[in-house]
Amino acid sequence: MRRIALALALLVQSPVHAHHGAGHGRPVTATVYHQEFNGGPAYCGGTYRHWGVSAAHPFLPCGTRVTVSHRGRRLTVPITDRCDCNSIDLSAGAAWRLGVPLDGIAQVRISY
């Protein structure tokens, strides 16, 4: 019984399970993966594809689908890798579709 109570308490407090409605996502800074990682292994398995649609996040579970919004554009991307950033790292394909500069950073909103 104590294990169930502890698990429920952790689940309720965990930011991983927070859900932000469409248009009301959490503002974060987005960066873009460097092309040198293309073809390399992703933390969650598989291979990183620079022009594919994926993202890295410091704590969201592998496979989590995150909706990223930027300047009126929205795109849902899977978390396929980890990053040591405090935000979200987008593949170039995802960044391009959202209008995020490929050589810089941008403020985006994420919901999951």
PDB file of N, CA and C in Angstrom:
ATOM      1  N   MET A   1       0.823  -1.196   0.000  1.00  0.00           N
ATOM      2  CA  MET A   1       0.000   0.000   0.000  1.00  0.00           C
ATOM      3  C   MET A   1       0.871   1.264   0.000  1.00  0.00           C
ATOM      4  N   ARG A   2       1.960   1.229   0.782  1.00  0.00           N
ATOM      5  CA  ARG A   2       2.850   2.393   0.839  1.00  0.00           C
ATOM      6  C   ARG A   2       3.503   2.642  -0.509  1.00  0.00           C
ATOM      7  N   ARG A   3       3.816   1.564  -1.247  1.00  0.00           N
ATOM      8  CA  ARG A   3       4.433   1.720  -2.566  1.00  0.00           C
ATOM      9  C   ARG A   3       3.482   2.406  -3.536  1.00  0.00           C
ATOM     10  N   ILE A   4       2.221   2.027  -3.475  1.00  0.00           N
ATOM     11  CA  ILE A   4       1.228   2.641  -4.364  1.00  0.00           C
ATOM     12  C   ILE A   4       1.080   4.120  -4.033  1.00  0.00           C
ATOM     13  N   ALA A   5       1.004   4.443  -2.759  1.00  0.00           N
ATOM     14  CA  ALA A   5       0.867   5.843  -2.349  1.00  0.00           C
ATOM     15  C   ALA A   5       2.075   6.655  -2.787  1.00  0.00           C
ATOM     16  N   LEU A   6       3.272   6.085  -2.638  1.00  0.00           N
ATOM     17  CA  LEU A   6       4.482   6.781  -3.055  1.00  0.00           C
ATOM     18  C   LEU A   6       4.498   6.988  -4.568  1.00  0.00           C
ATOM     19  N   ALA A   7       4.126   5.954  -5.300  1.00  0.00           N
ATOM     20  CA  ALA A   7       4.091   6.060  -6.765  1.00  0.00           C
ATOM     21  C   ALA A   7       3.103   7.124  -7.212  1.00  0.00           C
ATOM     22  N   LEU A   8       1.947   7.172  -6.610  1.00  0.00           N
ATOM     23  CA  LEU A   8       0.945   8.190  -6.960  1.00  0.00           C
ATOM     24  C   LEU A   8       1.444   9.588  -6.614  1.00  0.00           C
ATOM     25  N   ALA A   9       2.097   9.731  -5.476  1.00  0.00           N
ATOM     26  CA  ALA A   9       2.624  11.042  -5.085  1.00  0.00           C
ATOM     27  C   ALA A   9       3.675  11.517  -6.080  1.00  0.00           C
ATOM     28  N   LEU A  10       4.553  10.627  -6.501  1.00  0.00           N
ATOM     29  CA  LEU A  10       5.575  11.002  -7.483  1.00  0.00           C
ATOM     30  C   LEU A  10       4.959  11.332  -8.826  1.00  0.00           C
ATOM     31  N   LEU A  11       3.949  10.590  -9.213  1.00  0.00           N
ATOM     32  CA  LEU A  11       3.277  10.824 -10.488  1.00  0.00           C
ATOM     33  C   LEU A  11       2.623  12.192 -10.518  1.00  0.00           C
ATOM     34  N   VAL A  12       1.966  12.560  -9.450  1.00  0.00           N
ATOM     35  CA  VAL A  12       1.273  13.848  -9.382  1.00  0.00           C
ATOM     36  C   VAL A  12       2.259  14.998  -9.393  1.00  0.00           C
ATOM     37  N   GLN A  13       3.414  14.837  -8.741  1.00  0.00           N
ATOM     38  CA  GLN A  13       4.392  15.915  -8.646  1.00  0.00           C
ATOM     39  C   GLN A  13       5.303  16.003  -9.855  1.00  0.00           C
ATOM     40  N   SER A  14       5.365  14.978 -10.666  1.00  0.00           N
ATOM     41  CA  SER A  14       6.317  14.918 -11.768  1.00  0.00           C
ATOM     42  C   SER A  14       5.936  15.870 -12.894  1.00  0.00           C
ATOM     43  N   PRO A  15       6.887  16.719 -13.359  1.00  0.00           N
ATOM     44  CA  PRO A  15       6.603  17.607 -14.484  1.00  0.00           C
ATOM     45  C   PRO A  15       6.459  16.845 -15.794  1.00  0.00           C
ATOM     46  N   VAL A  16       6.920  15.605 -15.833  1.00  0.00           N
ATOM     47  CA  VAL A  16       6.830  14.801 -17.042  1.00  0.00           C
ATOM     48  C   VAL A  16       5.385  14.550 -17.414  1.00  0.00           C
ATOM     49  N   HIS A  17       4.504  14.474 -16.433  1.00  0.00           N
ATOM     50  CA  HIS A  17       3.116  14.146 -16.708  1.00  0.00           C
ATOM     51  C   HIS A  17       2.209  15.371 -16.751  1.00  0.00           C
ATOM     52  N   ALA A  18       2.797  16.554 -16.664  1.00  0.00           N
ATOM     53  CA  ALA A  18       1.996  17.760 -16.777  1.00  0.00           C
ATOM     54  C   ALA A  18       1.513  17.894 -18.212  1.00  0.00           C
ATOM     55  N   HIS A  19       0.307  18.370 -18.401  1.00  0.00           N
ATOM     56  CA  HIS A  19      -0.209  18.562 -19.756  1.00  0.00           C
ATOM     57  C   HIS A  19      -0.604  20.014 -19.909  1.00  0.00           C
ATOM     58  N   HIS A  20      -0.078  20.609 -20.931  1.00  0.00           N
ATOM     59  CA  HIS A  20      -0.403  22.000 -21.236  1.00  0.00           C
ATOM     60  C   HIS A  20      -1.268  21.987 -22.477  1.00  0.00           C
ATOM     61  N   GLY A  21      -2.410  22.607 -22.428  1.00  0.00           N
ATOM     62  CA  GLY A  21      -3.319  22.609 -23.560  1.00  0.00           C
ATOM     63  C   GLY A  21      -2.742  23.340 -24.759  1.00  0.00           C
ATOM     64  N   ALA A  22      -3.312  23.072 -25.925  1.00  0.00           N
ATOM     65  CA  ALA A  22      -2.861  23.691 -27.169  1.00  0.00           C
ATOM     66  C   ALA A  22      -2.902  25.208 -27.033  1.00  0.00           C
ATOM     67  N   GLY A  23      -1.827  25.854 -27.429  1.00  0.00           N
ATOM     68  CA  GLY A  23      -1.760  27.305 -27.351  1.00  0.00           C
ATOM     69  C   GLY A  23      -1.394  27.820 -25.975  1.00  0.00           C
ATOM     70  N   HIS A  24      -1.361  26.947 -24.988  1.00  0.00           N
ATOM     71  CA  HIS A  24      -1.041  27.362 -23.626  1.00  0.00           C
ATOM     72  C   HIS A  24       0.213  26.665 -23.142  1.00  0.00           C
ATOM     73  N   GLY A  25       1.071  26.276 -24.060  1.00  0.00           N
ATOM     74  CA  GLY A  25       2.264  25.535 -23.708  1.00  0.00           C
ATOM     75  C   GLY A  25       3.240  26.362 -22.901  1.00  0.00           C
ATOM     76  N   ARG A  26       4.224  25.681 -22.405  1.00  0.00           N
ATOM     77  CA  ARG A  26       5.272  26.285 -21.590  1.00  0.00           C
ATOM     78  C   ARG A  26       6.310  26.917 -22.511  1.00  0.00           C
ATOM     79  N   PRO A  27       6.686  28.179 -22.287  1.00  0.00           N
ATOM     80  CA  PRO A  27       7.709  28.802 -23.126  1.00  0.00           C
ATOM     81  C   PRO A  27       9.090  28.248 -22.776  1.00  0.00           C
ATOM     82  N   VAL A  28       9.849  27.881 -23.792  1.00  0.00           N
ATOM     83  CA  VAL A  28      11.218  27.389 -23.620  1.00  0.00           C
ATOM     84  C   VAL A  28      12.081  27.909 -24.764  1.00  0.00           C
ATOM     85  N   THR A  29      13.368  27.761 -24.625  1.00  0.00           N
ATOM     86  CA  THR A  29      14.301  28.111 -25.680  1.00  0.00           C
ATOM     87  C   THR A  29      14.574  26.868 -26.516  1.00  0.00           C
ATOM     88  N   ALA A  30      14.477  26.998 -27.819  1.00  0.00           N
ATOM     89  CA  ALA A  30      14.771  25.890 -28.723  1.00  0.00           C
ATOM     90  C   ALA A  30      16.114  26.137 -29.399  1.00  0.00           C
ATOM     91  N   THR A  31      16.897  25.077 -29.485  1.00  0.00           N
ATOM     92  CA  THR A  31      18.145  25.104 -30.237  1.00  0.00           C
ATOM     93  C   THR A  31      18.045  24.027 -31.310  1.00  0.00           C
ATOM     94  N   VAL A  32      19.008  24.014 -32.212  1.00  0.00           N
ATOM     95  CA  VAL A  32      18.991  23.048 -33.315  1.00  0.00           C
ATOM     96  C   VAL A  32      20.235  22.175 -33.235  1.00  0.00           C
ATOM     97  N   TYR A  33      20.026  20.862 -33.342  1.00  0.00           N
ATOM     98  CA  TYR A  33      21.132  19.903 -33.381  1.00  0.00           C
ATOM     99  C   TYR A  33      22.122  20.308 -34.459  1.00  0.00           C
ATOM    100  N   HIS A  34      23.378  20.061 -34.218  1.00  0.00           N
ATOM    101  CA  HIS A  34      24.400  20.304 -35.235  1.00  0.00           C
ATOM    102  C   HIS A  34      24.403  19.147 -36.227  1.00  0.00           C
ATOM    103  N   GLN A  35      24.676  19.443 -37.464  1.00  0.00           N
ATOM    104  CA  GLN A  35      24.648  18.441 -38.530  1.00  0.00           C
ATOM    105  C   GLN A  35      25.653  17.300 -38.306  1.00  0.00           C
ATOM    106  N   GLU A  36      26.698  17.551 -37.531  1.00  0.00           N
ATOM    107  CA  GLU A  36      27.711  16.515 -37.309  1.00  0.00           C
ATOM    108  C   GLU A  36      27.146  15.260 -36.635  1.00  0.00           C
ATOM    109  N   PHE A  37      25.993  15.375 -35.994  1.00  0.00           N
ATOM    110  CA  PHE A  37      25.387  14.220 -35.338  1.00  0.00           C
ATOM    111  C   PHE A  37      24.571  13.349 -36.297  1.00  0.00           C
ATOM    112  N   ASN A  38      24.360  13.817 -37.522  1.00  0.00           N
ATOM    113  CA  ASN A  38      23.579  13.062 -38.504  1.00  0.00           C
ATOM    114  C   ASN A  38      24.161  11.661 -38.695  1.00  0.00           C
ATOM    115  N   GLY A  39      23.285  10.662 -38.618  1.00  0.00           N
ATOM    116  CA  GLY A  39      23.708   9.283 -38.797  1.00  0.00           C
ATOM    117  C   GLY A  39      24.201   8.611 -37.536  1.00  0.00           C
ATOM    118  N   GLY A  40      24.343   9.370 -36.469  1.00  0.00           N
ATOM    119  CA  GLY A  40      24.804   8.810 -35.198  1.00  0.00           C
ATOM    120  C   GLY A  40      23.656   8.198 -34.407  1.00  0.00           C
ATOM    121  N   PRO A  41      23.989   7.457 -33.363  1.00  0.00           N
ATOM    122  CA  PRO A  41      22.944   6.816 -32.559  1.00  0.00           C
ATOM    123  C   PRO A  41      22.205   7.825 -31.682  1.00  0.00           C
ATOM    124  N   ALA A  42      20.919   7.621 -31.535  1.00  0.00           N
ATOM    125  CA  ALA A  42      20.102   8.441 -30.639  1.00  0.00           C
ATOM    126  C   ALA A  42      19.978   7.706 -29.304  1.00  0.00           C
ATOM    127  N   TYR A  43      19.854   8.434 -28.229  1.00  0.00           N
ATOM    128  CA  TYR A  43      19.755   7.866 -26.886  1.00  0.00           C
ATOM    129  C   TYR A  43      18.618   6.855 -26.783  1.00  0.00           C
ATOM    130  N   CYS A  44      17.520   7.138 -27.435  1.00  0.00           N
ATOM    131  CA  CYS A  44      16.321   6.290 -27.329  1.00  0.00           C
ATOM    132  C   CYS A  44      16.333   5.130 -28.326  1.00  0.00           C
ATOM    133  N   GLY A  45      17.424   4.943 -29.024  1.00  0.00           N
ATOM    134  CA  GLY A  45      17.509   3.904 -30.050  1.00  0.00           C
ATOM    135  C   GLY A  45      17.308   4.540 -31.420  1.00  0.00           C
ATOM    136  N   GLY A  46      17.698   3.843 -32.429  1.00  0.00           N
ATOM    137  CA  GLY A  46      17.562   4.376 -33.776  1.00  0.00           C
ATOM    138  C   GLY A  46      18.718   5.287 -34.126  1.00  0.00           C
ATOM    139  N   THR A  47      18.573   5.958 -35.243  1.00  0.00           N
ATOM    140  CA  THR A  47      19.622   6.811 -35.790  1.00  0.00           C
ATOM    141  C   THR A  47      19.100   8.229 -35.940  1.00  0.00           C
ATOM    142  N   TYR A  48      19.919   9.198 -35.546  1.00  0.00           N
ATOM    143  CA  TYR A  48      19.528  10.593 -35.698  1.00  0.00           C
ATOM    144  C   TYR A  48      19.606  10.988 -37.167  1.00  0.00           C
ATOM    145  N   ARG A  49      18.531  11.572 -37.666  1.00  0.00           N
ATOM    146  CA  ARG A  49      18.468  12.082 -39.039  1.00  0.00           C
ATOM    147  C   ARG A  49      18.295  13.598 -38.967  1.00  0.00           C
ATOM    148  N   HIS A  50      19.303  14.307 -39.455  1.00  0.00           N
ATOM    149  CA  HIS A  50      19.343  15.770 -39.357  1.00  0.00           C
ATOM    150  C   HIS A  50      18.110  16.437 -39.964  1.00  0.00           C
ATOM    151  N   TRP A  51      17.641  15.940 -41.113  1.00  0.00           N
ATOM    152  CA  TRP A  51      16.476  16.548 -41.762  1.00  0.00           C
ATOM    153  C   TRP A  51      15.178  15.821 -41.438  1.00  0.00           C
ATOM    154  N   GLY A  52      15.217  14.906 -40.487  1.00  0.00           N
ATOM    155  CA  GLY A  52      14.000  14.251 -40.013  1.00  0.00           C
ATOM    156  C   GLY A  52      13.278  15.158 -39.018  1.00  0.00           C
ATOM    157  N   VAL A  53      12.213  14.659 -38.442  1.00  0.00           N
ATOM    158  CA  VAL A  53      11.451  15.433 -37.458  1.00  0.00           C
ATOM    159  C   VAL A  53      11.569  14.722 -36.120  1.00  0.00           C
ATOM    160  N   SER A  54      12.395  15.297 -35.231  1.00  0.00           N
ATOM    161  CA  SER A  54      12.593  14.722 -33.904  1.00  0.00           C
ATOM    162  C   SER A  54      13.136  15.806 -32.984  1.00  0.00           C
ATOM    163  N   ALA A  55      13.272  15.451 -31.702  1.00  0.00           N
ATOM    164  CA  ALA A  55      13.784  16.407 -30.726  1.00  0.00           C
ATOM    165  C   ALA A  55      14.479  15.670 -29.592  1.00  0.00           C
ATOM    166  N   ALA A  56      15.309  16.418 -28.876  1.00  0.00           N
ATOM    167  CA  ALA A  56      15.955  15.930 -27.663  1.00  0.00           C
ATOM    168  C   ALA A  56      15.479  16.794 -26.502  1.00  0.00           C
ATOM    169  N   HIS A  57      15.359  16.170 -25.334  1.00  0.00           N
ATOM    170  CA  HIS A  57      14.897  16.881 -24.144  1.00  0.00           C
ATOM    171  C   HIS A  57      15.639  16.322 -22.943  1.00  0.00           C
ATOM    172  N   PRO A  58      15.905  17.140 -21.922  1.00  0.00           N
ATOM    173  CA  PRO A  58      16.690  16.650 -20.788  1.00  0.00           C
ATOM    174  C   PRO A  58      15.983  15.616 -19.911  1.00  0.00           C
ATOM    175  N   PHE A  59      14.638  15.624 -19.825  1.00  0.00           N
ATOM    176  CA  PHE A  59      13.997  14.685 -18.910  1.00  0.00           C
ATOM    177  C   PHE A  59      12.734  13.993 -19.420  1.00  0.00           C
ATOM    178  N   LEU A  60      12.132  14.450 -20.486  1.00  0.00           N
ATOM    179  CA  LEU A  60      10.916  13.777 -20.967  1.00  0.00           C
ATOM    180  C   LEU A  60      11.251  12.365 -21.434  1.00  0.00           C
ATOM    181  N   PRO A  61      10.376  11.400 -21.171  1.00  0.00           N
ATOM    182  CA  PRO A  61      10.649  10.013 -21.560  1.00  0.00           C
ATOM    183  C   PRO A  61      10.752   9.842 -23.078  1.00  0.00           C
ATOM    184  N   CYS A  62      11.568   8.883 -23.473  1.00  0.00           N
ATOM    185  CA  CYS A  62      11.695   8.539 -24.888  1.00  0.00           C
ATOM    186  C   CYS A  62      10.321   8.228 -25.459  1.00  0.00           C
ATOM    187  N   GLY A  63      10.073   8.729 -26.656  1.00  0.00           N
ATOM    188  CA  GLY A  63       8.804   8.480 -27.317  1.00  0.00           C
ATOM    189  C   GLY A  63       7.713   9.488 -27.007  1.00  0.00           C
ATOM    190  N   THR A  64       7.925  10.355 -26.008  1.00  0.00           N
ATOM    191  CA  THR A  64       6.927  11.382 -25.704  1.00  0.00           C
ATOM    192  C   THR A  64       6.742  12.253 -26.935  1.00  0.00           C
ATOM    193  N   ARG A  65       5.495  12.526 -27.284  1.00  0.00           N
ATOM    194  CA  ARG A  65       5.206  13.395 -28.423  1.00  0.00           C
ATOM    195  C   ARG A  65       4.940  14.800 -27.878  1.00  0.00           C
ATOM    196  N   VAL A  66       5.734  15.735 -28.351  1.00  0.00           N
ATOM    197  CA  VAL A  66       5.684  17.117 -27.881  1.00  0.00           C
ATOM    198  C   VAL A  66       5.211  18.005 -29.022  1.00  0.00           C
ATOM    199  N   THR A  67       4.238  18.848 -28.753  1.00  0.00           N
ATOM    200  CA  THR A  67       3.803  19.823 -29.747  1.00  0.00           C
ATOM    201  C   THR A  67       4.589  21.107 -29.514  1.00  0.00           C
ATOM    202  N   VAL A  68       5.291  21.527 -30.546  1.00  0.00           N
ATOM    203  CA  VAL A  68       6.115  22.735 -30.481  1.00  0.00           C
ATOM    204  C   VAL A  68       5.440  23.807 -31.326  1.00  0.00           C
ATOM    205  N   SER A  69       5.284  25.004 -30.770  1.00  0.00           N
ATOM    206  CA  SER A  69       4.668  26.128 -31.481  1.00  0.00           C
ATOM    207  C   SER A  69       5.672  27.266 -31.589  1.00  0.00           C
ATOM    208  N   HIS A  70       5.703  27.884 -32.782  1.00  0.00           N
ATOM    209  CA  HIS A  70       6.595  29.022 -33.019  1.00  0.00           C
ATOM    210  C   HIS A  70       5.989  29.902 -34.100  1.00  0.00           C
ATOM    211  N   ARG A  71       5.674  31.145 -33.740  1.00  0.00           N
ATOM    212  CA  ARG A  71       5.156  32.138 -34.684  1.00  0.00           C
ATOM    213  C   ARG A  71       3.982  31.624 -35.515  1.00  0.00           C
ATOM    214  N   GLY A  72       3.025  31.022 -34.848  1.00  0.00           N
ATOM    215  CA  GLY A  72       1.812  30.563 -35.527  1.00  0.00           C
ATOM    216  C   GLY A  72       1.918  29.188 -36.163  1.00  0.00           C
ATOM    217  N   ARG A  73       3.071  28.584 -36.151  1.00  0.00           N
ATOM    218  CA  ARG A  73       3.237  27.225 -36.695  1.00  0.00           C
ATOM    219  C   ARG A  73       3.276  26.233 -35.543  1.00  0.00           C
ATOM    220  N   ARG A  74       2.722  25.038 -35.784  1.00  0.00           N
ATOM    221  CA  ARG A  74       2.742  23.980 -34.775  1.00  0.00           C
ATOM    222  C   ARG A  74       3.192  22.680 -35.425  1.00  0.00           C
ATOM    223  N   LEU A  75       3.983  21.924 -34.669  1.00  0.00           N
ATOM    224  CA  LEU A  75       4.484  20.647 -35.158  1.00  0.00           C
ATOM    225  C   LEU A  75       4.622  19.704 -33.970  1.00  0.00           C
ATOM    226  N   THR A  76       4.181  18.471 -34.136  1.00  0.00           N
ATOM    227  CA  THR A  76       4.349  17.463 -33.095  1.00  0.00           C
ATOM    228  C   THR A  76       5.576  16.629 -33.428  1.00  0.00           C
ATOM    229  N   VAL A  77       6.493  16.543 -32.469  1.00  0.00           N
ATOM    230  CA  VAL A  77       7.751  15.819 -32.660  1.00  0.00           C
ATOM    231  C   VAL A  77       7.925  14.784 -31.555  1.00  0.00           C
ATOM    232  N   PRO A  78       8.532  13.641 -31.883  1.00  0.00           N
ATOM    233  CA  PRO A  78       8.832  12.665 -30.840  1.00  0.00           C
ATOM    234  C   PRO A  78      10.168  12.983 -30.162  1.00  0.00           C
ATOM    235  N   ILE A  79      10.249  12.709 -28.873  1.00  0.00           N
ATOM    236  CA  ILE A  79      11.518  12.817 -28.167  1.00  0.00           C
ATOM    237  C   ILE A  79      12.296  11.540 -28.444  1.00  0.00           C
ATOM    238  N   THR A  80      13.441  11.682 -29.115  1.00  0.00           N
ATOM    239  CA  THR A  80      14.246  10.521 -29.486  1.00  0.00           C
ATOM    240  C   THR A  80      15.648  10.554 -28.901  1.00  0.00           C
ATOM    241  N   ASP A  81      15.962  11.628 -28.163  1.00  0.00           N
ATOM    242  CA  ASP A  81      17.326  11.763 -27.661  1.00  0.00           C
ATOM    243  C   ASP A  81      17.326  12.595 -26.386  1.00  0.00           C
ATOM    244  N   ARG A  82      18.448  12.626 -25.715  1.00  0.00           N
ATOM    245  CA  ARG A  82      18.662  13.450 -24.531  1.00  0.00           C
ATOM    246  C   ARG A  82      19.561  14.616 -24.914  1.00  0.00           C
ATOM    247  N   CYS A  83      19.439  15.698 -24.159  1.00  0.00           N
ATOM    248  CA  CYS A  83      20.349  16.833 -24.351  1.00  0.00           C
ATOM    249  C   CYS A  83      20.721  17.371 -22.974  1.00  0.00           C
ATOM    250  N   ASP A  84      21.828  18.068 -22.914  1.00  0.00           N
ATOM    251  CA  ASP A  84      22.234  18.672 -21.649  1.00  0.00           C
ATOM    252  C   ASP A  84      21.819  20.144 -21.609  1.00  0.00           C
ATOM    253  N   CYS A  85      20.770  20.430 -22.340  1.00  0.00           N
ATOM    254  CA  CYS A  85      20.245  21.791 -22.399  1.00  0.00           C
ATOM    255  C   CYS A  85      19.120  21.946 -21.369  1.00  0.00           C
ATOM    256  N   ASN A  86      18.681  23.160 -21.176  1.00  0.00           N
ATOM    257  CA  ASN A  86      17.548  23.424 -20.275  1.00  0.00           C
ATOM    258  C   ASN A  86      16.280  23.686 -21.069  1.00  0.00           C
ATOM    259  N   SER A  87      16.240  23.189 -22.288  1.00  0.00           N
ATOM    260  CA  SER A  87      15.125  23.494 -23.168  1.00  0.00           C
ATOM    261  C   SER A  87      14.834  22.302 -24.055  1.00  0.00           C
ATOM    262  N   ILE A  88      14.717  22.531 -25.345  1.00  0.00           N
ATOM    263  CA  ILE A  88      14.477  21.460 -26.308  1.00  0.00           C
ATOM    264  C   ILE A  88      15.431  21.653 -27.479  1.00  0.00           C
ATOM    265  N   ASP A  89      15.970  20.556 -27.953  1.00  0.00           N
ATOM    266  CA  ASP A  89      16.894  20.559 -29.090  1.00  0.00           C
ATOM    267  C   ASP A  89      16.146  19.962 -30.278  1.00  0.00           C
ATOM    268  N   LEU A  90      15.955  20.714 -31.335  1.00  0.00           N
ATOM    269  CA  LEU A  90      15.185  20.260 -32.493  1.00  0.00           C
ATOM    270  C   LEU A  90      16.097  19.760 -33.608  1.00  0.00           C
ATOM    271  N   SER A  91      15.634  18.769 -34.345  1.00  0.00           N
ATOM    272  CA  SER A  91      16.342  18.391 -35.569  1.00  0.00           C
ATOM    273  C   SER A  91      16.170  19.543 -36.558  1.00  0.00           C
ATOM    274  N   ALA A  92      17.043  19.600 -37.551  1.00  0.00           N
ATOM    275  CA  ALA A  92      16.952  20.673 -38.541  1.00  0.00           C
ATOM    276  C   ALA A  92      15.640  20.597 -39.305  1.00  0.00           C
ATOM    277  N   GLY A  93      15.158  19.381 -39.576  1.00  0.00           N
ATOM    278  CA  GLY A  93      13.885  19.226 -40.279  1.00  0.00           C
ATOM    279  C   GLY A  93      12.724  19.814 -39.490  1.00  0.00           C
ATOM    280  N   ALA A  94      12.711  19.580 -38.190  1.00  0.00           N
ATOM    281  CA  ALA A  94      11.654  20.139 -37.337  1.00  0.00           C
ATOM    282  C   ALA A  94      11.788  21.657 -37.248  1.00  0.00           C
ATOM    283  N   ALA A  95      13.012  22.132 -37.057  1.00  0.00           N
ATOM    284  CA  ALA A  95      13.236  23.577 -36.953  1.00  0.00           C
ATOM    285  C   ALA A  95      12.811  24.294 -38.226  1.00  0.00           C
ATOM    286  N   TRP A  96      13.178  23.737 -39.373  1.00  0.00           N
ATOM    287  CA  TRP A  96      12.827  24.347 -40.655  1.00  0.00           C
ATOM    288  C   TRP A  96      11.311  24.443 -40.817  1.00  0.00           C
ATOM    289  N   ARG A  97      10.597  23.384 -40.472  1.00  0.00           N
ATOM    290  CA  ARG A  97       9.131  23.394 -40.593  1.00  0.00           C
ATOM    291  C   ARG A  97       8.482  24.420 -39.667  1.00  0.00           C
ATOM    292  N   LEU A  98       9.130  24.702 -38.541  1.00  0.00           N
ATOM    293  CA  LEU A  98       8.598  25.667 -37.580  1.00  0.00           C
ATOM    294  C   LEU A  98       9.071  27.098 -37.839  1.00  0.00           C
ATOM    295  N   GLY A  99      10.040  27.277 -38.718  1.00  0.00           N
ATOM    296  CA  GLY A  99      10.580  28.608 -38.965  1.00  0.00           C
ATOM    297  C   GLY A  99      11.610  29.032 -37.936  1.00  0.00           C
ATOM    298  N   VAL A 100      12.174  28.066 -37.214  1.00  0.00           N
ATOM    299  CA  VAL A 100      13.230  28.358 -36.239  1.00  0.00           C
ATOM    300  C   VAL A 100      14.549  28.477 -37.006  1.00  0.00           C
ATOM    301  N   PRO A 101      15.345  29.511 -36.746  1.00  0.00           N
ATOM    302  CA  PRO A 101      16.615  29.663 -37.454  1.00  0.00           C
ATOM    303  C   PRO A 101      17.512  28.440 -37.251  1.00  0.00           C
ATOM    304  N   LEU A 102      18.046  27.915 -38.335  1.00  0.00           N
ATOM    305  CA  LEU A 102      18.862  26.706 -38.249  1.00  0.00           C
ATOM    306  C   LEU A 102      20.214  26.945 -37.588  1.00  0.00           C
ATOM    307  N   ASP A 103      20.652  28.199 -37.530  1.00  0.00           N
ATOM    308  CA  ASP A 103      21.952  28.497 -36.938  1.00  0.00           C
ATOM    309  C   ASP A 103      21.838  29.267 -35.626  1.00  0.00           C
ATOM    310  N   GLY A 104      20.665  29.248 -35.022  1.00  0.00           N
ATOM    311  CA  GLY A 104      20.503  30.034 -33.808  1.00  0.00           C
ATOM    312  C   GLY A 104      19.559  29.392 -32.817  1.00  0.00           C
ATOM    313  N   ILE A 105      18.926  30.251 -32.059  1.00  0.00           N
ATOM    314  CA  ILE A 105      17.972  29.804 -31.053  1.00  0.00           C
ATOM    315  C   ILE A 105      16.678  30.594 -31.232  1.00  0.00           C
ATOM    316  N   ALA A 106      15.606  30.073 -30.653  1.00  0.00           N
ATOM    317  CA  ALA A 106      14.322  30.765 -30.735  1.00  0.00           C
ATOM    318  C   ALA A 106      13.490  30.430 -29.508  1.00  0.00           C
ATOM    319  N   GLN A 107      12.612  31.314 -29.160  1.00  0.00           N
ATOM    320  CA  GLN A 107      11.656  31.045 -28.094  1.00  0.00           C
ATOM    321  C   GLN A 107      10.469  30.322 -28.716  1.00  0.00           C
ATOM    322  N   VAL A 108      10.129  29.177 -28.148  1.00  0.00           N
ATOM    323  CA  VAL A 108       8.993  28.384 -28.623  1.00  0.00           C
ATOM    324  C   VAL A 108       8.134  28.033 -27.417  1.00  0.00           C
ATOM    325  N   ARG A 109       6.988  27.437 -27.692  1.00  0.00           N
ATOM    326  CA  ARG A 109       6.128  26.921 -26.631  1.00  0.00           C
ATOM    327  C   ARG A 109       6.004  25.425 -26.855  1.00  0.00           C
ATOM    328  N   ILE A 110       6.069  24.655 -25.777  1.00  0.00           N
ATOM    329  CA  ILE A 110       5.904  23.217 -25.905  1.00  0.00           C
ATOM    330  C   ILE A 110       4.746  22.746 -25.030  1.00  0.00           C
ATOM    331  N   SER A 111       4.046  21.751 -25.525  1.00  0.00           N
ATOM    332  CA  SER A 111       3.005  21.093 -24.726  1.00  0.00           C
ATOM    333  C   SER A 111       3.143  19.606 -24.964  1.00  0.00           C
ATOM    334  N   TYR A 112       2.827  18.838 -23.943  1.00  0.00           N
ATOM    335  CA  TYR A 112       2.961  17.386 -24.020  1.00  0.00           C
ATOM    336  C   TYR A 112       1.947  16.728 -23.143  1.00  0.00           C
TER     337      TYR A 112
END
